[in-house]
Amino acid sequence: MQPSPHSDDHRAVLKAVLGPLLADFQYWFSRSRDMLETRDLPMLQPEERDRLLERLKQAQLEVTAAEGLFRATDGAVGIDMNAVAPWHQLVTECWRVSALSRQSTGITEADRTDESAEA
């Protein structure tokens, strides 16, 4: 049985959108995890930090599983928005923590870029 042109179009859209989206989640989860594991974050209680870190680790596992399924099916499957929405909320929460951290230390994004260039 030959795939319909419609399914080929569907697969192309999924590959164009979902692949990069999953990569973005991995990037932001990794960056957020690094922040939680290496930076002093006085705005978070240790328990809050630990819970957020555990949620990040779980989300990374979920995204890794979704990426594996996506690759194994050559982009033929999508991901339910009920799975994606919590990942988006988690990234947003981590961005807020990062912004609060920068405010409390007086570090601007330009400073961070300068530090990266020097390394």
Foldseek 3Di string as FASTA:
>chain_A
DDDDVVLVVVLVVLCVPVVVVLVVLLVLLVVLLCCLVPHDQVVDDPVRSVVLNVVSVVLNVVSVVVVVVCVVVVSNDDDDVVSVVVSVVSSVVSVVSVVVVCVVVVNDVVNVVVVVVVD
